[in-house]
Amino acid sequence: MSNIDDSFLCVVKASVKEHVESISDEALNMICESISETAGGEVVYISKSYSRMLSVRNKNIMEARRSGATTDSLAVKFSLSKSHINKILRES
């Protein structure tokens, strides 16, 4: 899966999990591996829906923070670094 940007994988996994609660992590990894095998090393156009997914993710991060979640817990939950979480919190 190293051919695909990690933040993209995070968004794909979060988005799928948000809409399909019963999918396993193993199935998600298989989907990501398939994407990597199909498009790995290629320049791939990602539609504006990717931006929308990031907006949804960032909104969820902000809401969780307002509800008392720590930066550490948000980093784990969203598979991001603490510095990336802090950047999202500052920019939102």
C-alpha atoms as a PDB file:
ATOM      1  CA  MET A   1       0.000   0.000   0.000  1.00  0.00           C
ATOM      2  CA  SER A   2       2.995   2.317   0.023  1.00  0.00           C
ATOM      3  CA  ASN A   3       2.184   3.614  -3.466  1.00  0.00           C
ATOM      4  CA  ILE A   4      -0.824   5.532  -2.217  1.00  0.00           C
ATOM      5  CA  ASP A   5      -0.559   8.563   0.049  1.00  0.00           C
ATOM      6  CA  ASP A   6      -1.268   7.575   3.665  1.00  0.00           C
ATOM      7  CA  SER A   7      -3.669  10.488   4.211  1.00  0.00           C
ATOM      8  CA  PHE A   8      -5.697   9.311   1.206  1.00  0.00           C
ATOM      9  CA  LEU A   9      -5.875   5.807   2.666  1.00  0.00           C
ATOM     10  CA  CYS A  10      -6.982   7.249   5.986  1.00  0.00           C
ATOM     11  CA  VAL A  11      -9.766   9.192   4.294  1.00  0.00           C
ATOM     12  CA  VAL A  12     -10.861   6.175   2.247  1.00  0.00           C
ATOM     13  CA  LYS A  13     -10.973   3.980   5.345  1.00  0.00           C
ATOM     14  CA  ALA A  14     -12.779   6.604   7.447  1.00  0.00           C
ATOM     15  CA  SER A  15     -15.298   7.292   4.705  1.00  0.00           C
ATOM     16  CA  VAL A  16     -16.066   3.629   4.083  1.00  0.00           C
ATOM     17  CA  LYS A  17     -16.347   2.959   7.820  1.00  0.00           C
ATOM     18  CA  GLU A  18     -18.681   5.953   8.168  1.00  0.00           C
ATOM     19  CA  HIS A  19     -21.062   4.584   5.550  1.00  0.00           C
ATOM     20  CA  VAL A  20     -20.620   0.835   5.950  1.00  0.00           C
ATOM     21  CA  GLU A  21     -20.309   0.019   9.643  1.00  0.00           C
ATOM     22  CA  SER A  22     -20.052  -3.741   9.192  1.00  0.00           C
ATOM     23  CA  ILE A  23     -16.975  -3.790   6.944  1.00  0.00           C
ATOM     24  CA  SER A  24     -13.885  -5.299   8.537  1.00  0.00           C
ATOM     25  CA  ASP A  25     -10.436  -3.739   8.614  1.00  0.00           C
ATOM     26  CA  GLU A  26      -9.233  -6.722   6.599  1.00  0.00           C
ATOM     27  CA  ALA A  27     -11.748  -5.941   3.841  1.00  0.00           C
ATOM     28  CA  LEU A  28     -10.724  -2.273   3.872  1.00  0.00           C
ATOM     29  CA  ASN A  29      -7.078  -3.248   3.562  1.00  0.00           C
ATOM     30  CA  MET A  30      -7.937  -5.497   0.615  1.00  0.00           C
ATOM     31  CA  ILE A  31      -9.712  -2.574  -1.083  1.00  0.00           C
ATOM     32  CA  CYS A  32      -6.712  -0.309  -0.501  1.00  0.00           C
ATOM     33  CA  GLU A  33      -4.297  -2.965  -1.760  1.00  0.00           C
ATOM     34  CA  SER A  34      -6.420  -3.365  -4.887  1.00  0.00           C
ATOM     35  CA  ILE A  35      -6.299   0.385  -5.496  1.00  0.00           C
ATOM     36  CA  SER A  36      -2.536   0.306  -4.991  1.00  0.00           C
ATOM     37  CA  GLU A  37      -2.085  -2.609  -7.410  1.00  0.00           C
ATOM     38  CA  THR A  38      -4.314  -0.951 -10.006  1.00  0.00           C
ATOM     39  CA  ALA A  39      -3.034   2.608  -9.770  1.00  0.00           C
ATOM     40  CA  GLY A  40       0.220   2.372  -7.831  1.00  0.00           C
ATOM     41  CA  GLY A  41       2.867   4.678  -9.251  1.00  0.00           C
ATOM     42  CA  GLU A  42       0.384   6.429 -11.510  1.00  0.00           C
ATOM     43  CA  VAL A  43      -0.931   9.947 -11.311  1.00  0.00           C
ATOM     44  CA  VAL A  44      -4.589   9.490 -10.487  1.00  0.00           C
ATOM     45  CA  TYR A  45      -7.215  12.204 -10.682  1.00  0.00           C
ATOM     46  CA  ILE A  46      -9.208  12.371  -7.467  1.00  0.00           C
ATOM     47  CA  SER A  47     -12.498  14.147  -7.840  1.00  0.00           C
ATOM     48  CA  LYS A  48     -13.682  16.935  -5.597  1.00  0.00           C
ATOM     49  CA  SER A  49     -15.368  14.333  -3.445  1.00  0.00           C
ATOM     50  CA  TYR A  50     -11.893  13.735  -1.939  1.00  0.00           C
ATOM     51  CA  SER A  51     -11.919  17.341  -0.744  1.00  0.00           C
ATOM     52  CA  ARG A  52     -15.391  16.786   0.624  1.00  0.00           C
ATOM     53  CA  MET A  53     -14.220  13.690   2.490  1.00  0.00           C
ATOM     54  CA  LEU A  54     -11.392  15.695   4.019  1.00  0.00           C
ATOM     55  CA  SER A  55     -13.869  18.381   5.045  1.00  0.00           C
ATOM     56  CA  VAL A  56     -16.096  15.782   6.691  1.00  0.00           C
ATOM     57  CA  ARG A  57     -13.118  14.229   8.445  1.00  0.00           C
ATOM     58  CA  ASN A  58     -11.920  17.619   9.668  1.00  0.00           C
ATOM     59  CA  LYS A  59     -15.422  18.516  10.861  1.00  0.00           C
ATOM     60  CA  ASN A  60     -15.569  15.227  12.773  1.00  0.00           C
ATOM     61  CA  ILE A  61     -12.194  16.016  14.341  1.00  0.00           C
ATOM     62  CA  MET A  62     -13.405  19.470  15.413  1.00  0.00           C
ATOM     63  CA  GLU A  63     -16.637  18.074  16.873  1.00  0.00           C
ATOM     64  CA  ALA A  64     -14.791  15.363  18.773  1.00  0.00           C
ATOM     65  CA  ARG A  65     -12.352  17.933  20.165  1.00  0.00           C
ATOM     66  CA  ARG A  66     -15.220  20.166  21.306  1.00  0.00           C
ATOM     67  CA  SER A  67     -16.682  17.109  23.016  1.00  0.00           C
ATOM     68  CA  GLY A  68     -13.496  16.688  25.021  1.00  0.00           C
ATOM     69  CA  ALA A  69     -11.388  14.286  22.941  1.00  0.00           C
ATOM     70  CA  THR A  70      -7.657  14.709  23.393  1.00  0.00           C
ATOM     71  CA  THR A  71      -5.216  15.336  20.577  1.00  0.00           C
ATOM     72  CA  ASP A  72      -3.672  11.936  21.280  1.00  0.00           C
ATOM     73  CA  SER A  73      -7.001  10.110  21.012  1.00  0.00           C
ATOM     74  CA  LEU A  74      -7.903  11.988  17.823  1.00  0.00           C
ATOM     75  CA  ALA A  75      -4.559  11.091  16.265  1.00  0.00           C
ATOM     76  CA  VAL A  76      -5.186   7.411  16.971  1.00  0.00           C
ATOM     77  CA  LYS A  77      -8.842   7.491  15.894  1.00  0.00           C
ATOM     78  CA  PHE A  78      -8.155   9.231  12.574  1.00  0.00           C
ATOM     79  CA  SER A  79      -4.734   7.633  11.923  1.00  0.00           C
ATOM     80  CA  LEU A  80      -3.009  11.011  11.787  1.00  0.00           C
ATOM     81  CA  SER A  81      -0.054  12.478  13.620  1.00  0.00           C
ATOM     82  CA  LYS A  82      -0.678  14.763  16.587  1.00  0.00           C
ATOM     83  CA  SER A  83       0.908  17.623  14.647  1.00  0.00           C
ATOM     84  CA  HIS A  84      -1.511  17.062  11.753  1.00  0.00           C
ATOM     85  CA  ILE A  85      -4.451  17.040  14.191  1.00  0.00           C
ATOM     86  CA  ASN A  86      -3.188  20.306  15.705  1.00  0.00           C
ATOM     87  CA  LYS A  87      -2.872  21.835  12.229  1.00  0.00           C
ATOM     88  CA  ILE A  88      -6.478  20.882  11.422  1.00  0.00           C
ATOM     89  CA  LEU A  89      -7.647  22.325  14.732  1.00  0.00           C
ATOM     90  CA  ARG A  90      -5.780  25.607  14.121  1.00  0.00           C
ATOM     91  CA  GLU A  91      -7.062  25.978  10.547  1.00  0.00           C
ATOM     92  CA  SER A  92     -10.695  25.188  11.267  1.00  0.00           C
END
